[in-house]
Amino acid sequence: MKIYSWDIKSKLELNKDIVICLGSFETLHLGHNELFKIARDLKNTNPHLELAAMMFQNPIRKGEIASEKAFQPKTRLYTFHALGFDSVFIINMDKNLLNLDYKIFIKSLKENGVKKIVCGQDFRFGFMKKGTINDLKKEFEVYVADEKKVNKAKISSTLINEFIKEGNVEGMNALLIENYAFITTMDKFRYKYPKNLISLKDGVYIVNVVISNIEYHGITLINSKNHSEENQLNNILYLYDLEIIPSKYEEIFIEFLHRIRYIDSIKEDKLSKSDIEIGKRWFIENM
């Protein structure tokens, strides 16, 4: 999969006809998957097309660039790759791009070989979100995905963000294309929470951990209450099947599977024998 840093205005010299999924894709949930299924079907019936997606580096909330996001760009790119995308255009949004006329966005899509567009029903773009789906239809073949709901509520990145803050791992995983995860580095089974991510509620969680392309199983303690600039390694991993301590600062991928308990006081901010046994039983019952 090819990855492009795109300022919207530039021509990337792709020299291919493109079907593209448009959206900010702060999270990648089942509602978005409706877009992706349409795009893959278009690719299958038109093999010459390149399957692409647009993605914002940072989300936009209430017309402003948000300082915190739900997912790192890298984990989202892993999901796009797993879904079979040929390329992803990453937009590092700034104030100039926020104020960009929607007609420039349409012009740039045409110059970069976009022939077919897939988007959601509420997709808007350009300064003050003046660009509409009807504007796109004047220049491209446009396919609009149906809204996906759960319990009569629209699946959205806003809902996923709330689940992260609540520590509702089971709830958000049921709505995501791939389980909630992030990438960090570890030192003696301790790690810091990635910067600029919305923090998962303090607690003990069952996890899969990938280190050097090998998957391990265990539990982790998320502890933001004792966080300081001097002591950032306040989150702990306990792995059932790792015999050798990985190299210091080696990159690790942590996938969250299930919540064991929340941490509501300093007395509870340690892994217990009960946590370890609950995690073991969960893996026995679910593997």
C-alpha atoms as a PDB file:
ATOM      1  CA  MET A   1       0.000   0.000   0.000  1.00  0.00           C
ATOM      2  CA  LYS A   2       1.298   3.446  -0.962  1.00  0.00           C
ATOM      3  CA  ILE A   3       1.035   6.327   1.505  1.00  0.00           C
ATOM      4  CA  TYR A   4       1.019   9.957   0.404  1.00  0.00           C
ATOM      5  CA  SER A   5       1.258  13.145   2.428  1.00  0.00           C
ATOM      6  CA  TRP A   6      -1.193  15.404   0.616  1.00  0.00           C
ATOM      7  CA  ASP A   7      -1.844  19.119   1.054  1.00  0.00           C
ATOM      8  CA  ILE A   8      -5.005  18.834  -1.099  1.00  0.00           C
ATOM      9  CA  LYS A   9      -3.738  21.414  -3.616  1.00  0.00           C
ATOM     10  CA  SER A  10      -0.830  19.366  -5.034  1.00  0.00           C
ATOM     11  CA  LYS A  11      -0.855  17.059  -8.021  1.00  0.00           C
ATOM     12  CA  LEU A  12       0.720  13.746  -7.000  1.00  0.00           C
ATOM     13  CA  GLU A  13       1.491  12.367 -10.492  1.00  0.00           C
ATOM     14  CA  LEU A  14      -0.244   9.063  -9.790  1.00  0.00           C
ATOM     15  CA  ASN A  15      -1.072   8.373 -13.446  1.00  0.00           C
ATOM     16  CA  LYS A  16      -3.972   6.094 -12.492  1.00  0.00           C
ATOM     17  CA  ASP A  17      -7.745   6.310 -12.388  1.00  0.00           C
ATOM     18  CA  ILE A  18      -8.927   6.275  -8.791  1.00  0.00           C
ATOM     19  CA  VAL A  19     -11.960   5.301  -6.743  1.00  0.00           C
ATOM     20  CA  ILE A  20     -11.613   7.116  -3.423  1.00  0.00           C
ATOM     21  CA  CYS A  21     -13.362   6.982  -0.054  1.00  0.00           C
ATOM     22  CA  LEU A  22     -13.725  10.492   1.332  1.00  0.00           C
ATOM     23  CA  GLY A  23     -13.860  11.279   5.046  1.00  0.00           C
ATOM     24  CA  SER A  24     -11.607  12.252   7.933  1.00  0.00           C
ATOM     25  CA  PHE A  25     -11.614   8.682   9.312  1.00  0.00           C
ATOM     26  CA  GLU A  26     -10.549   9.575  12.835  1.00  0.00           C
ATOM     27  CA  THR A  27     -11.753   6.084  13.713  1.00  0.00           C
ATOM     28  CA  LEU A  28     -12.527   3.185  11.386  1.00  0.00           C
ATOM     29  CA  HIS A  29     -15.894   1.763  12.396  1.00  0.00           C
ATOM     30  CA  LEU A  30     -18.665  -0.367  10.895  1.00  0.00           C
ATOM     31  CA  GLY A  31     -20.358   2.708   9.456  1.00  0.00           C
ATOM     32  CA  HIS A  32     -17.204   3.451   7.476  1.00  0.00           C
ATOM     33  CA  ASN A  33     -17.053  -0.172   6.400  1.00  0.00           C
ATOM     34  CA  GLU A  34     -20.236   0.409   4.371  1.00  0.00           C
ATOM     35  CA  LEU A  35     -18.225   2.894   2.282  1.00  0.00           C
ATOM     36  CA  PHE A  36     -15.301   0.519   1.965  1.00  0.00           C
ATOM     37  CA  LYS A  37     -17.499  -2.353   0.757  1.00  0.00           C
ATOM     38  CA  ILE A  38     -18.955  -0.172  -2.003  1.00  0.00           C
ATOM     39  CA  ALA A  39     -15.463   0.979  -3.024  1.00  0.00           C
ATOM     40  CA  ARG A  40     -14.119  -2.589  -3.129  1.00  0.00           C
ATOM     41  CA  ASP A  41     -17.060  -3.685  -5.281  1.00  0.00           C
ATOM     42  CA  LEU A  42     -16.298  -0.839  -7.691  1.00  0.00           C
ATOM     43  CA  LYS A  43     -12.655  -1.902  -7.785  1.00  0.00           C
ATOM     44  CA  ASN A  44     -13.621  -5.535  -8.430  1.00  0.00           C
ATOM     45  CA  THR A  45     -15.822  -4.579 -11.381  1.00  0.00           C
ATOM     46  CA  ASN A  46     -13.239  -2.048 -12.639  1.00  0.00           C
ATOM     47  CA  PRO A  47      -9.839  -3.713 -12.003  1.00  0.00           C
ATOM     48  CA  HIS A  48      -7.942  -0.831 -13.611  1.00  0.00           C
ATOM     49  CA  LEU A  49      -9.013   1.492 -10.777  1.00  0.00           C
ATOM     50  CA  GLU A  50      -6.754   2.189  -7.809  1.00  0.00           C
ATOM     51  CA  LEU A  51      -8.563   1.830  -4.482  1.00  0.00           C
ATOM     52  CA  ALA A  52      -7.755   4.852  -2.301  1.00  0.00           C
ATOM     53  CA  ALA A  53      -8.866   6.616   0.869  1.00  0.00           C
ATOM     54  CA  MET A  54      -8.389  10.087   2.287  1.00  0.00           C
ATOM     55  CA  MET A  55      -7.467  10.379   5.975  1.00  0.00           C
ATOM     56  CA  PHE A  56      -6.856  13.317   8.319  1.00  0.00           C
ATOM     57  CA  GLN A  57      -3.739  13.239  10.505  1.00  0.00           C
ATOM     58  CA  ASN A  58      -5.736  15.003  13.240  1.00  0.00           C
ATOM     59  CA  PRO A  59      -9.512  15.289  13.591  1.00  0.00           C
ATOM     60  CA  ILE A  60     -11.547  18.454  13.150  1.00  0.00           C
ATOM     61  CA  ARG A  61     -14.049  19.227  15.896  1.00  0.00           C
ATOM     62  CA  LYS A  62     -16.382  22.232  15.801  1.00  0.00           C
ATOM     63  CA  GLY A  63     -14.299  23.808  13.048  1.00  0.00           C
ATOM     64  CA  GLU A  64     -11.016  23.520  14.974  1.00  0.00           C
ATOM     65  CA  ILE A  65      -8.069  21.125  14.710  1.00  0.00           C
ATOM     66  CA  ALA A  66      -8.297  18.864  17.761  1.00  0.00           C
ATOM     67  CA  SER A  67      -5.202  18.338  19.908  1.00  0.00           C
ATOM     68  CA  GLU A  68      -6.205  14.779  20.840  1.00  0.00           C
ATOM     69  CA  LYS A  69      -7.313  11.941  18.608  1.00  0.00           C
ATOM     70  CA  ALA A  70      -8.834   8.507  19.125  1.00  0.00           C
ATOM     71  CA  PHE A  71      -6.343   6.529  17.015  1.00  0.00           C
ATOM     72  CA  GLN A  72      -2.792   7.020  15.824  1.00  0.00           C
ATOM     73  CA  PRO A  73      -2.390   7.382  12.041  1.00  0.00           C
ATOM     74  CA  LYS A  74      -0.223   4.250  11.962  1.00  0.00           C
ATOM     75  CA  THR A  75      -2.880   1.948  13.448  1.00  0.00           C
ATOM     76  CA  ARG A  76      -5.452   3.331  11.006  1.00  0.00           C
ATOM     77  CA  LEU A  77      -3.049   2.668   8.137  1.00  0.00           C
ATOM     78  CA  TYR A  78      -2.699  -0.943   9.318  1.00  0.00           C
ATOM     79  CA  THR A  79      -6.483  -1.287   9.012  1.00  0.00           C
ATOM     80  CA  PHE A  80      -6.574   0.259   5.535  1.00  0.00           C
ATOM     81  CA  HIS A  81      -3.846  -2.163   4.469  1.00  0.00           C
ATOM     82  CA  ALA A  82      -5.768  -5.128   5.891  1.00  0.00           C
ATOM     83  CA  LEU A  83      -8.844  -3.979   3.943  1.00  0.00           C
ATOM     84  CA  GLY A  84      -6.934  -4.122   0.666  1.00  0.00           C
ATOM     85  CA  PHE A  85      -6.504  -0.434  -0.132  1.00  0.00           C
ATOM     86  CA  ASP A  86      -3.886   0.456  -2.746  1.00  0.00           C
ATOM     87  CA  SER A  87      -3.148   3.930  -1.408  1.00  0.00           C
ATOM     88  CA  VAL A  88      -4.010   6.383   1.369  1.00  0.00           C
ATOM     89  CA  PHE A  89      -3.770  10.173   1.174  1.00  0.00           C
ATOM     90  CA  ILE A  90      -2.917  11.619   4.602  1.00  0.00           C
ATOM     91  CA  ILE A  91      -3.921  15.246   5.096  1.00  0.00           C
ATOM     92  CA  ASN A  92      -2.140  17.181   7.830  1.00  0.00           C
ATOM     93  CA  MET A  93      -4.853  19.756   8.356  1.00  0.00           C
ATOM     94  CA  ASP A  94      -3.904  23.350   9.175  1.00  0.00           C
ATOM     95  CA  LYS A  95      -5.743  26.686   9.217  1.00  0.00           C
ATOM     96  CA  ASN A  96      -4.973  27.333   5.554  1.00  0.00           C
ATOM     97  CA  LEU A  97      -6.575  24.044   4.543  1.00  0.00           C
ATOM     98  CA  LEU A  98      -9.535  24.665   6.848  1.00  0.00           C
ATOM     99  CA  ASN A  99     -10.155  27.872   4.891  1.00  0.00           C
ATOM    100  CA  LEU A 100      -9.688  26.262   1.463  1.00  0.00           C
ATOM    101  CA  ASP A 101     -12.459  26.876  -1.055  1.00  0.00           C
ATOM    102  CA  TYR A 102     -14.364  23.663  -1.791  1.00  0.00           C
ATOM    103  CA  LYS A 103     -13.923  24.218  -5.549  1.00  0.00           C
ATOM    104  CA  ILE A 104     -10.136  23.845  -5.161  1.00  0.00           C
ATOM    105  CA  PHE A 105     -10.687  20.464  -3.478  1.00  0.00           C
ATOM    106  CA  ILE A 106     -12.855  19.290  -6.384  1.00  0.00           C
ATOM    107  CA  LYS A 107     -10.310  20.585  -8.923  1.00  0.00           C
ATOM    108  CA  SER A 108      -7.482  18.750  -7.161  1.00  0.00           C
ATOM    109  CA  LEU A 109      -9.433  15.479  -7.046  1.00  0.00           C
ATOM    110  CA  LYS A 110      -9.902  15.706 -10.826  1.00  0.00           C
ATOM    111  CA  GLU A 111      -6.221  16.531 -11.422  1.00  0.00           C
ATOM    112  CA  ASN A 112      -5.201  13.500  -9.346  1.00  0.00           C
ATOM    113  CA  GLY A 113      -7.212  11.042 -11.415  1.00  0.00           C
ATOM    114  CA  VAL A 114     -10.277  10.545  -9.219  1.00  0.00           C
ATOM    115  CA  LYS A 115     -13.136   9.087 -11.279  1.00  0.00           C
ATOM    116  CA  LYS A 116     -15.441   7.614  -8.647  1.00  0.00           C
ATOM    117  CA  ILE A 117     -16.148   8.784  -5.103  1.00  0.00           C
ATOM    118  CA  VAL A 118     -17.669   6.944  -2.147  1.00  0.00           C
ATOM    119  CA  CYS A 119     -18.763   8.926   0.906  1.00  0.00           C
ATOM    120  CA  GLY A 120     -21.261   9.039   3.747  1.00  0.00           C
ATOM    121  CA  GLN A 121     -24.580  10.847   3.679  1.00  0.00           C
ATOM    122  CA  ASP A 122     -23.324  13.735   5.812  1.00  0.00           C
ATOM    123  CA  PHE A 123     -20.040  14.364   3.959  1.00  0.00           C
ATOM    124  CA  ARG A 124     -19.233  18.080   3.596  1.00  0.00           C
ATOM    125  CA  PHE A 125     -15.946  19.746   2.696  1.00  0.00           C
ATOM    126  CA  GLY A 126     -14.141  23.034   2.141  1.00  0.00           C
ATOM    127  CA  PHE A 127     -14.350  26.341   3.991  1.00  0.00           C
ATOM    128  CA  MET A 128     -17.380  26.455   6.308  1.00  0.00           C
ATOM    129  CA  LYS A 129     -18.266  23.003   4.905  1.00  0.00           C
ATOM    130  CA  LYS A 130     -19.829  24.675   1.892  1.00  0.00           C
ATOM    131  CA  GLY A 131     -19.003  21.774  -0.438  1.00  0.00           C
ATOM    132  CA  THR A 132     -21.777  19.189  -0.736  1.00  0.00           C
ATOM    133  CA  ILE A 133     -22.360  15.785  -2.277  1.00  0.00           C
ATOM    134  CA  ASN A 134     -24.331  17.489  -5.053  1.00  0.00           C
ATOM    135  CA  ASP A 135     -21.235  19.539  -5.913  1.00  0.00           C
ATOM    136  CA  LEU A 136     -19.240  16.313  -6.234  1.00  0.00           C
ATOM    137  CA  LYS A 137     -21.900  14.738  -8.451  1.00  0.00           C
ATOM    138  CA  LYS A 138     -21.354  17.474 -11.042  1.00  0.00           C
ATOM    139  CA  GLU A 139     -17.819  16.176 -11.686  1.00  0.00           C
ATOM    140  CA  PHE A 140     -17.646  12.524 -10.557  1.00  0.00           C
ATOM    141  CA  GLU A 141     -19.563   9.295 -10.222  1.00  0.00           C
ATOM    142  CA  VAL A 142     -20.617   9.472  -6.574  1.00  0.00           C
ATOM    143  CA  TYR A 143     -21.833   6.586  -4.412  1.00  0.00           C
ATOM    144  CA  VAL A 144     -23.357   7.395  -1.030  1.00  0.00           C
ATOM    145  CA  ALA A 145     -23.295   4.694   1.665  1.00  0.00           C
ATOM    146  CA  ASP A 146     -26.298   4.053   3.873  1.00  0.00           C
ATOM    147  CA  GLU A 147     -26.059   5.068   7.505  1.00  0.00           C
ATOM    148  CA  LYS A 148     -25.169   2.261   9.917  1.00  0.00           C
ATOM    149  CA  LYS A 149     -26.959   2.224  13.284  1.00  0.00           C
ATOM    150  CA  VAL A 150     -26.835   0.224  16.491  1.00  0.00           C
ATOM    151  CA  ASN A 151     -29.785   0.376  18.894  1.00  0.00           C
ATOM    152  CA  LYS A 152     -31.222   3.100  16.625  1.00  0.00           C
ATOM    153  CA  ALA A 153     -28.159   5.316  17.220  1.00  0.00           C
ATOM    154  CA  LYS A 154     -25.762   6.280  14.446  1.00  0.00           C
ATOM    155  CA  ILE A 155     -22.317   4.695  14.709  1.00  0.00           C
ATOM    156  CA  SER A 156     -19.868   7.595  14.822  1.00  0.00           C
ATOM    157  CA  SER A 157     -16.353   8.572  15.857  1.00  0.00           C
ATOM    158  CA  THR A 158     -17.950  10.716  18.579  1.00  0.00           C
ATOM    159  CA  LEU A 159     -19.491   7.586  20.097  1.00  0.00           C
ATOM    160  CA  ILE A 160     -16.159   5.723  19.870  1.00  0.00           C
ATOM    161  CA  ASN A 161     -14.424   8.633  21.632  1.00  0.00           C
ATOM    162  CA  GLU A 162     -16.905   8.412  24.508  1.00  0.00           C
ATOM    163  CA  PHE A 163     -16.345   4.653  24.814  1.00  0.00           C
ATOM    164  CA  ILE A 164     -12.573   5.239  25.049  1.00  0.00           C
ATOM    165  CA  LYS A 165     -13.020   7.725  27.890  1.00  0.00           C
ATOM    166  CA  GLU A 166     -15.379   5.286  29.652  1.00  0.00           C
ATOM    167  CA  GLY A 167     -13.002   2.330  29.172  1.00  0.00           C
ATOM    168  CA  ASN A 168     -15.792   0.479  27.374  1.00  0.00           C
ATOM    169  CA  VAL A 169     -13.506  -1.783  25.346  1.00  0.00           C
ATOM    170  CA  GLU A 170     -16.202  -4.328  24.531  1.00  0.00           C
ATOM    171  CA  GLY A 171     -18.585  -1.618  23.334  1.00  0.00           C
ATOM    172  CA  MET A 172     -16.131   0.099  21.018  1.00  0.00           C
ATOM    173  CA  ASN A 173     -14.663  -3.150  19.648  1.00  0.00           C
ATOM    174  CA  ALA A 174     -18.187  -4.189  18.654  1.00  0.00           C
ATOM    175  CA  LEU A 175     -18.389  -1.032  16.517  1.00  0.00           C
ATOM    176  CA  LEU A 176     -14.828  -0.912  15.135  1.00  0.00           C
ATOM    177  CA  ILE A 177     -13.557  -2.734  12.038  1.00  0.00           C
ATOM    178  CA  GLU A 178     -10.516  -3.830  14.060  1.00  0.00           C
ATOM    179  CA  ASN A 179     -10.098  -3.821  17.840  1.00  0.00           C
ATOM    180  CA  TYR A 180      -8.972  -0.725  19.719  1.00  0.00           C
ATOM    181  CA  ALA A 181      -5.165  -0.593  19.775  1.00  0.00           C
ATOM    182  CA  PHE A 182      -2.190   1.729  19.972  1.00  0.00           C
ATOM    183  CA  ILE A 183       1.567   1.650  19.405  1.00  0.00           C
ATOM    184  CA  THR A 184       4.131   2.614  22.031  1.00  0.00           C
ATOM    185  CA  THR A 185       7.535   1.550  23.364  1.00  0.00           C
ATOM    186  CA  MET A 186       8.280  -0.594  26.400  1.00  0.00           C
ATOM    187  CA  ASP A 187      11.007  -0.634  29.045  1.00  0.00           C
ATOM    188  CA  LYS A 188      10.981  -3.624  31.430  1.00  0.00           C
ATOM    189  CA  PHE A 189       7.252  -4.222  30.885  1.00  0.00           C
ATOM    190  CA  ARG A 190       6.390  -0.594  31.531  1.00  0.00           C
ATOM    191  CA  TYR A 191       5.298   1.915  28.915  1.00  0.00           C
ATOM    192  CA  LYS A 192       3.936   5.411  28.504  1.00  0.00           C
ATOM    193  CA  TYR A 193       0.580   6.191  26.941  1.00  0.00           C
ATOM    194  CA  PRO A 194       1.018   7.622  23.420  1.00  0.00           C
ATOM    195  CA  LYS A 195       1.013  11.416  23.245  1.00  0.00           C
ATOM    196  CA  ASN A 196      -2.044  13.250  21.917  1.00  0.00           C
ATOM    197  CA  LEU A 197      -4.317  10.219  22.187  1.00  0.00           C
ATOM    198  CA  ILE A 198      -7.611  10.321  24.053  1.00  0.00           C
ATOM    199  CA  SER A 199      -6.760   8.312  27.162  1.00  0.00           C
ATOM    200  CA  LEU A 200      -8.488   5.054  27.961  1.00  0.00           C
ATOM    201  CA  LYS A 201     -10.081   5.088  31.423  1.00  0.00           C
ATOM    202  CA  ASP A 202      -7.706   3.878  34.139  1.00  0.00           C
ATOM    203  CA  GLY A 203      -8.127   0.166  34.703  1.00  0.00           C
ATOM    204  CA  VAL A 204      -6.895  -3.364  34.054  1.00  0.00           C
ATOM    205  CA  TYR A 205      -7.486  -4.789  30.589  1.00  0.00           C
ATOM    206  CA  ILE A 206      -6.886  -8.059  28.757  1.00  0.00           C
ATOM    207  CA  VAL A 207      -4.619  -7.506  25.747  1.00  0.00           C
ATOM    208  CA  ASN A 208      -2.746  -9.010  22.852  1.00  0.00           C
ATOM    209  CA  VAL A 209       0.728  -7.526  22.388  1.00  0.00           C
ATOM    210  CA  VAL A 210       2.780  -7.757  19.185  1.00  0.00           C
ATOM    211  CA  ILE A 211       6.555  -7.437  19.573  1.00  0.00           C
ATOM    212  CA  SER A 212       8.862  -8.046  16.595  1.00  0.00           C
ATOM    213  CA  ASN A 213       5.947  -9.610  14.658  1.00  0.00           C
ATOM    214  CA  ILE A 214       5.210 -12.146  17.426  1.00  0.00           C
ATOM    215  CA  GLU A 215       1.891 -12.012  19.308  1.00  0.00           C
ATOM    216  CA  TYR A 216       1.812 -12.450  23.070  1.00  0.00           C
ATOM    217  CA  HIS A 217      -1.104 -12.566  25.501  1.00  0.00           C
ATOM    218  CA  GLY A 218      -1.520 -10.809  28.810  1.00  0.00           C
ATOM    219  CA  ILE A 219      -3.044  -8.012  30.836  1.00  0.00           C
ATOM    220  CA  THR A 220      -2.177  -4.352  31.236  1.00  0.00           C
ATOM    221  CA  LEU A 221      -2.728  -1.701  33.872  1.00  0.00           C
ATOM    222  CA  ILE A 222      -3.544   1.785  32.558  1.00  0.00           C
ATOM    223  CA  ASN A 223      -2.710   4.390  35.190  1.00  0.00           C
ATOM    224  CA  SER A 224      -2.892   8.058  34.228  1.00  0.00           C
ATOM    225  CA  LYS A 225      -3.440   9.399  37.746  1.00  0.00           C
ATOM    226  CA  ASN A 226       0.234   9.082  38.727  1.00  0.00           C
ATOM    227  CA  HIS A 227       1.480  10.443  35.417  1.00  0.00           C
ATOM    228  CA  SER A 228       4.200  13.075  35.395  1.00  0.00           C
ATOM    229  CA  GLU A 229       6.801  14.258  32.902  1.00  0.00           C
ATOM    230  CA  GLU A 230       9.507  12.634  35.046  1.00  0.00           C
ATOM    231  CA  ASN A 231       7.646   9.333  35.423  1.00  0.00           C
ATOM    232  CA  GLN A 232       5.796   8.456  32.240  1.00  0.00           C
ATOM    233  CA  LEU A 233       6.293   4.684  32.419  1.00  0.00           C
ATOM    234  CA  ASN A 234       3.344   4.251  34.761  1.00  0.00           C
ATOM    235  CA  ASN A 235       1.444   1.704  32.648  1.00  0.00           C
ATOM    236  CA  ILE A 236       2.313  -1.954  33.263  1.00  0.00           C
ATOM    237  CA  LEU A 237       2.209  -5.088  31.107  1.00  0.00           C
ATOM    238  CA  TYR A 238       2.047  -8.662  32.372  1.00  0.00           C
ATOM    239  CA  LEU A 239       2.494 -11.222  29.579  1.00  0.00           C
ATOM    240  CA  TYR A 240       1.737 -14.916  30.057  1.00  0.00           C
ATOM    241  CA  ASP A 241       3.931 -16.240  27.254  1.00  0.00           C
ATOM    242  CA  LEU A 242       7.011 -14.015  27.071  1.00  0.00           C
ATOM    243  CA  GLU A 243      10.244 -15.456  28.466  1.00  0.00           C
ATOM    244  CA  ILE A 244      12.718 -12.759  27.381  1.00  0.00           C
ATOM    245  CA  ILE A 245      12.375  -9.075  28.213  1.00  0.00           C
ATOM    246  CA  PRO A 246      12.330  -7.129  24.910  1.00  0.00           C
ATOM    247  CA  SER A 247      14.927  -4.516  24.098  1.00  0.00           C
ATOM    248  CA  LYS A 248      14.467  -1.180  25.789  1.00  0.00           C
ATOM    249  CA  TYR A 249      12.269   1.199  23.776  1.00  0.00           C
ATOM    250  CA  GLU A 250      11.292  -1.500  21.287  1.00  0.00           C
ATOM    251  CA  GLU A 251       8.044  -0.651  19.517  1.00  0.00           C
ATOM    252  CA  ILE A 252       5.032  -2.669  20.638  1.00  0.00           C
ATOM    253  CA  PHE A 253       1.446  -2.919  19.383  1.00  0.00           C
ATOM    254  CA  ILE A 254      -1.162  -3.327  22.139  1.00  0.00           C
ATOM    255  CA  GLU A 255      -4.631  -4.583  21.180  1.00  0.00           C
ATOM    256  CA  PHE A 256      -7.324  -4.279  23.866  1.00  0.00           C
ATOM    257  CA  LEU A 257      -9.754  -7.188  24.153  1.00  0.00           C
ATOM    258  CA  HIS A 258     -11.682  -6.994  27.423  1.00  0.00           C
ATOM    259  CA  ARG A 259     -11.917  -4.965  30.638  1.00  0.00           C
ATOM    260  CA  ILE A 260     -11.223  -6.671  33.964  1.00  0.00           C
ATOM    261  CA  ARG A 261     -11.821  -3.691  36.266  1.00  0.00           C
ATOM    262  CA  TYR A 262     -11.562   0.071  36.571  1.00  0.00           C
ATOM    263  CA  ILE A 263      -9.148   1.859  38.927  1.00  0.00           C
ATOM    264  CA  ASP A 264     -10.891   4.341  41.197  1.00  0.00           C
ATOM    265  CA  SER A 265      -8.262   4.854  43.911  1.00  0.00           C
ATOM    266  CA  ILE A 266      -4.495   4.680  44.484  1.00  0.00           C
ATOM    267  CA  LYS A 267      -4.986   1.444  46.453  1.00  0.00           C
ATOM    268  CA  GLU A 268      -6.246  -0.260  43.289  1.00  0.00           C
ATOM    269  CA  ASP A 269      -3.440   0.861  40.939  1.00  0.00           C
ATOM    270  CA  LYS A 270      -1.463  -2.401  41.021  1.00  0.00           C
ATOM    271  CA  LEU A 271      -1.915  -5.670  39.168  1.00  0.00           C
ATOM    272  CA  SER A 272      -3.261  -8.333  41.518  1.00  0.00           C
ATOM    273  CA  LYS A 273      -3.173 -12.135  41.511  1.00  0.00           C
ATOM    274  CA  SER A 274      -6.904 -12.003  40.851  1.00  0.00           C
ATOM    275  CA  ASP A 275      -6.330  -9.876  37.708  1.00  0.00           C
ATOM    276  CA  ILE A 276      -3.766 -12.391  36.441  1.00  0.00           C
ATOM    277  CA  GLU A 277      -6.082 -15.362  37.025  1.00  0.00           C
ATOM    278  CA  ILE A 278      -9.069 -13.631  35.421  1.00  0.00           C
ATOM    279  CA  GLY A 279      -6.941 -12.892  32.355  1.00  0.00           C
ATOM    280  CA  LYS A 280      -5.758 -16.502  32.123  1.00  0.00           C
ATOM    281  CA  ARG A 281      -9.309 -17.825  32.307  1.00  0.00           C
ATOM    282  CA  TRP A 282     -10.461 -15.366  29.652  1.00  0.00           C
ATOM    283  CA  PHE A 283      -7.837 -16.563  27.179  1.00  0.00           C
ATOM    284  CA  ILE A 284      -8.634 -20.236  27.911  1.00  0.00           C
ATOM    285  CA  GLU A 285     -12.331 -19.601  27.275  1.00  0.00           C
ATOM    286  CA  ASN A 286     -11.878 -17.403  24.199  1.00  0.00           C
ATOM    287  CA  MET A 287      -8.985 -18.953  22.276  1.00  0.00           C
END
